[in-house]
């Protein structure tokens, strides 16, 4: 039952560890000077070898994000699909977020500033929208006793992400570059923690599989089936 809960936990833990490994490498080879300024995450991943490592890590994150998004979408759907539009919106927003992560990782600042920033906007702004949609689904989807503390936890994380994302884009133009960089680091860590909270719902999943069928007659859009234990 707990096996699927390891997926979002791995995403969150891998995000924390991977990001700080890139930071540590960039500091050790003097790619960034932390005594002069606080580096943004992208600045730590500009030079080799940390640039290639960051690209690899981002692609792994993308893979994990897609799986978490798909499984959460199907879980909500299988439990009654009371919030069909919001659930579908969460699926689309999650895919866009994943695409943004792989873009910003594959195109470092020195390679293509425009593409890198596009990926960052997709990952941060669309990712934030995804988080708020999932908070809404926490309260509107199938009732669960986990909602009592999962809802407030996610509301807190969504609020923190919003504050630090706004702070990052407001502080830097205002001349507070170091504070803007710190805001980015905190925001990204909170994002990882938010994705980790899906382990709360995923621990109720007993089995998940994808079925591909040859259709004869009306198209049936329920190709993905999930056997589950009841939500407690």
Protein backbone atom coordinates (compact mmCIF):
# COMPACT_ATOMS: atom_id res chain seq x y z
CA UNK A 1 0.00 0.00 0.00
CA UNK A 2 2.83 2.38 0.81
CA UNK A 3 4.84 1.66 -2.35
CA UNK A 4 3.23 4.42 -4.45
CA UNK A 5 3.77 6.91 -1.65
CA UNK A 6 7.50 6.58 -2.28
CA UNK A 7 7.10 8.26 -5.69
CA UNK A 8 6.31 11.80 -4.42
CA UNK A 9 8.68 11.28 -1.50
CA UNK A 10 11.47 10.44 -3.97
CA UNK A 11 10.59 13.54 -5.99
CA UNK A 12 10.79 15.79 -2.94
CA UNK A 13 13.91 14.20 -1.45
CA UNK A 14 15.65 14.05 -4.82
CA UNK A 15 14.80 17.69 -5.41
CA UNK A 16 16.32 18.79 -2.13
CA UNK A 17 19.46 16.68 -2.48
CA UNK A 18 20.01 17.28 -6.20
CA UNK A 19 19.70 21.05 -5.98
CA UNK A 20 22.12 21.34 -3.08
CA UNK A 21 24.61 18.99 -4.76
CA UNK A 22 24.67 21.32 -7.76
CA UNK A 23 25.20 24.24 -5.37
CA UNK A 24 28.02 22.45 -3.56
CA UNK A 25 29.84 21.60 -6.79
CA UNK A 26 29.55 25.15 -8.10
CA UNK A 27 30.98 26.51 -4.85
CA UNK A 28 33.80 23.95 -4.73
CA UNK A 29 35.02 24.71 -8.27
CA UNK A 30 34.58 28.49 -7.80
CA UNK A 31 31.87 28.80 -10.45
CA UNK A 32 30.07 31.07 -8.00
CA UNK A 33 31.44 33.29 -5.26
CA UNK A 34 29.06 33.07 -2.33
CA UNK A 35 31.03 35.67 -0.38
CA UNK A 36 30.27 38.29 -3.03
CA UNK A 37 26.62 37.49 -3.66
CA UNK A 38 23.96 34.85 -3.15
CA UNK A 39 23.69 32.93 -6.42
CA UNK A 40 20.43 32.02 -8.11
CA UNK A 41 19.95 28.31 -8.74
CA UNK A 42 20.44 28.81 -12.47
CA UNK A 43 23.77 30.55 -11.86
CA UNK A 44 25.00 27.52 -9.94
CA UNK A 45 24.14 25.31 -12.92
CA UNK A 46 25.75 27.47 -15.61
CA UNK A 47 29.23 25.92 -15.88
CA UNK A 48 30.41 22.34 -16.27
CA UNK A 49 30.23 19.78 -14.76
CA UNK A 50 27.27 20.95 -12.67
CA UNK A 51 25.41 22.13 -15.78
CA UNK A 52 25.19 18.60 -17.20
CA UNK A 53 24.33 17.21 -13.78
CA UNK A 54 21.56 19.77 -13.35
CA UNK A 55 20.18 18.88 -16.78
CA UNK A 56 20.11 15.20 -15.83
CA UNK A 57 18.46 15.94 -12.50
CA UNK A 58 15.81 18.15 -14.13
CA UNK A 59 14.94 15.40 -16.61
CA UNK A 60 14.54 12.94 -13.74
CA UNK A 61 12.33 15.47 -11.95
CA UNK A 62 10.26 15.86 -15.11
CA UNK A 63 9.70 12.10 -15.29
CA UNK A 64 8.66 11.92 -11.64
CA UNK A 65 6.41 14.99 -11.88
CA UNK A 66 4.56 13.49 -14.85
CA UNK A 67 3.95 10.27 -12.96
CA UNK A 68 2.75 12.06 -9.84
CA UNK A 69 0.44 14.28 -11.89
CA UNK A 70 -1.04 11.36 -13.87
CA UNK A 71 -1.59 9.16 -10.83
CA UNK A 72 -3.17 11.98 -8.84
CA UNK A 73 -5.45 12.80 -11.78
CA UNK A 74 -6.58 9.19 -12.07
CA UNK A 75 -7.00 8.85 -8.31
CA UNK A 76 -9.37 11.80 -8.14
CA UNK A 77 -11.20 10.51 -11.21
CA UNK A 78 -11.64 6.99 -9.86
CA UNK A 79 -13.00 8.27 -6.57
CA UNK A 80 -16.03 9.84 -8.20
CA UNK A 81 -14.63 12.64 -10.35
CA UNK A 82 -16.75 15.26 -8.61
CA UNK A 83 -14.41 17.98 -9.84
CA UNK A 84 -13.88 16.97 -13.46
CA UNK A 85 -12.80 20.35 -14.83
CA UNK A 86 -10.47 21.19 -11.96
CA UNK A 87 -8.96 17.72 -12.13
CA UNK A 88 -8.34 18.05 -15.87
CA UNK A 89 -6.89 21.53 -15.33
CA UNK A 90 -4.52 20.07 -12.76
CA UNK A 91 -3.41 17.45 -15.27
CA UNK A 92 -2.69 20.03 -17.98
CA UNK A 93 -0.96 22.43 -15.60
CA UNK A 94 1.16 19.59 -14.26
CA UNK A 95 2.30 18.63 -17.76
CA UNK A 96 3.22 22.24 -18.55
CA UNK A 97 5.15 22.48 -15.29
CA UNK A 98 7.08 19.32 -16.14
CA UNK A 99 7.88 20.71 -19.61
CA UNK A 100 9.15 23.90 -18.00
CA UNK A 101 11.46 21.97 -15.70
CA UNK A 102 13.08 20.06 -18.55
CA UNK A 103 13.44 23.27 -20.59
CA UNK A 104 15.23 25.24 -17.89
CA UNK A 105 17.49 22.30 -17.17
CA UNK A 106 18.35 21.57 -20.80
CA UNK A 107 19.08 25.21 -21.70
CA UNK A 108 21.42 26.87 -19.16
CA UNK A 109 21.68 30.64 -18.93
CA UNK A 110 24.75 30.78 -21.18
CA UNK A 111 23.21 28.49 -23.80
CA UNK A 112 19.91 30.28 -24.35
CA UNK A 113 18.65 32.91 -21.93
CA UNK A 114 15.24 33.20 -23.64
CA UNK A 115 14.49 29.46 -23.57
CA UNK A 116 15.80 29.14 -20.02
CA UNK A 117 13.59 31.96 -18.78
CA UNK A 118 10.60 30.50 -20.65
CA UNK A 119 11.16 27.22 -18.86
CA UNK A 120 11.50 29.01 -15.53
CA UNK A 121 8.23 30.89 -16.03
CA UNK A 122 6.47 27.66 -17.01
CA UNK A 123 7.87 25.81 -14.01
CA UNK A 124 7.29 28.56 -11.45
CA UNK A 125 4.09 30.34 -12.48
CA UNK A 126 2.27 27.37 -14.00
CA UNK A 127 3.59 25.20 -11.19
CA UNK A 128 2.12 27.59 -8.67
CA UNK A 129 -1.24 27.44 -10.47
CA UNK A 130 -1.02 23.64 -10.31
CA UNK A 131 -0.47 23.80 -6.55
CA UNK A 132 -3.51 26.02 -6.01
CA UNK A 133 -5.69 23.71 -8.13
CA UNK A 134 -4.52 20.73 -6.09
CA UNK A 135 -5.35 22.61 -2.90
CA UNK A 136 -8.88 23.15 -4.25
CA UNK A 137 -9.14 19.45 -5.09
CA UNK A 138 -7.98 18.58 -1.59
CA UNK A 139 -11.23 20.04 -0.28
CA UNK A 140 -13.56 19.28 -3.20
CA UNK A 141 -12.56 15.74 -4.22
CA UNK A 142 -13.61 12.53 -2.46
CA UNK A 143 -13.83 13.11 1.32
CA UNK A 144 -10.94 11.80 3.39
CA UNK A 145 -9.94 12.17 7.01
CA UNK A 146 -6.51 13.25 5.76
CA UNK A 147 -8.12 16.50 4.63
CA UNK A 148 -8.17 17.80 8.20
CA UNK A 149 -4.46 18.41 8.20
CA UNK A 150 -3.52 18.00 4.52
CA UNK A 151 -5.64 21.00 3.52
CA UNK A 152 -4.08 23.48 5.97
CA UNK A 153 -0.60 22.13 5.18
CA UNK A 154 -1.06 22.64 1.44
CA UNK A 155 -2.67 26.02 1.96
CA UNK A 156 0.40 27.10 3.92
CA UNK A 157 2.78 25.78 1.26
CA UNK A 158 0.81 27.43 -1.56
CA UNK A 159 0.82 30.73 0.29
CA UNK A 160 4.57 30.53 0.92
CA UNK A 161 5.25 29.72 -2.74
CA UNK A 162 3.15 32.70 -3.80
CA UNK A 163 4.87 35.08 -1.40
CA UNK A 164 8.39 34.02 -2.34
CA UNK A 165 7.65 33.94 -6.08
CA UNK A 166 6.31 37.49 -5.95
CA UNK A 167 9.20 38.49 -3.72
CA UNK A 168 11.74 37.12 -6.20
CA UNK A 169 10.39 39.20 -9.08
CA UNK A 170 9.84 42.32 -6.97
CA UNK A 171 13.05 42.36 -4.94
CA UNK A 172 15.53 41.97 -7.79
CA UNK A 173 14.39 45.04 -9.82
CA UNK A 174 14.28 46.98 -6.55
CA UNK A 175 17.98 46.33 -5.99
CA UNK A 176 17.69 43.58 -3.37
CA UNK A 177 19.33 40.90 -5.47
CA UNK A 178 20.51 38.67 -2.61
CA UNK A 179 17.05 38.63 -1.08
CA UNK A 180 15.58 37.75 -4.47
CA UNK A 181 17.99 34.83 -4.80
CA UNK A 182 17.15 33.62 -1.30
CA UNK A 183 13.46 33.85 -2.19
CA UNK A 184 14.05 31.61 -5.20
CA UNK A 185 15.86 28.99 -3.14
CA UNK A 186 13.15 28.93 -0.48
CA UNK A 187 10.37 28.87 -3.08
CA UNK A 188 11.88 25.88 -4.92
CA UNK A 189 12.33 23.97 -1.66
CA UNK A 190 8.68 24.63 -0.77
CA UNK A 191 7.63 23.43 -4.23
CA UNK A 192 9.42 20.14 -3.63
CA UNK A 193 7.78 19.82 -0.23
CA UNK A 194 4.36 20.41 -1.80
CA UNK A 195 4.87 17.57 -4.28
CA UNK A 196 5.96 15.40 -1.39
CA UNK A 197 2.55 15.84 0.25
CA UNK A 198 0.98 13.65 -2.45
CA UNK A 199 2.38 10.71 -0.50
CA UNK A 200 -0.54 11.29 1.88
CA UNK A 201 -3.08 10.30 -0.78
CA UNK A 202 -0.84 7.84 -2.61
CA UNK A 203 -0.50 5.65 0.48
CA UNK A 204 -4.13 4.60 -0.11
CA UNK A 205 -3.38 3.24 -3.59
CA UNK A 206 -3.16 -0.52 -3.75
CA UNK A 207 -2.44 -0.94 -7.46
CA UNK A 208 -2.06 1.20 -10.58
CA UNK A 209 -1.80 0.02 -14.17
CA UNK A 210 -2.27 1.32 -17.69
CA UNK A 211 -4.35 -0.76 -20.12
CA UNK A 212 -4.11 -0.40 -23.89
CA UNK A 213 -7.11 -1.87 -25.73
CA UNK A 214 -8.20 -2.21 -29.34
CA UNK A 215 -11.52 -0.45 -29.70
CA UNK A 216 -14.53 -1.87 -31.54
CA UNK A 217 -17.36 0.63 -31.48
CA UNK A 218 -17.77 3.77 -29.33
CA UNK A 219 -14.56 5.18 -27.98
CA UNK A 220 -14.16 4.60 -24.25
CA UNK A 221 -11.87 7.16 -22.67
CA UNK A 222 -11.31 5.13 -19.51
CA UNK A 223 -8.10 3.41 -20.57
CA UNK A 224 -6.36 3.89 -17.26
CA UNK A 225 -7.60 1.77 -14.41
CA UNK A 226 -6.58 1.83 -10.78
CA UNK A 227 -7.53 -0.72 -8.16
CA UNK A 228 -7.48 1.06 -4.86
CA UNK A 229 -8.12 0.64 -1.22
CA UNK A 230 -10.95 2.82 0.16
CA UNK A 231 -9.94 6.32 1.16
CA UNK A 232 -9.93 6.39 4.94
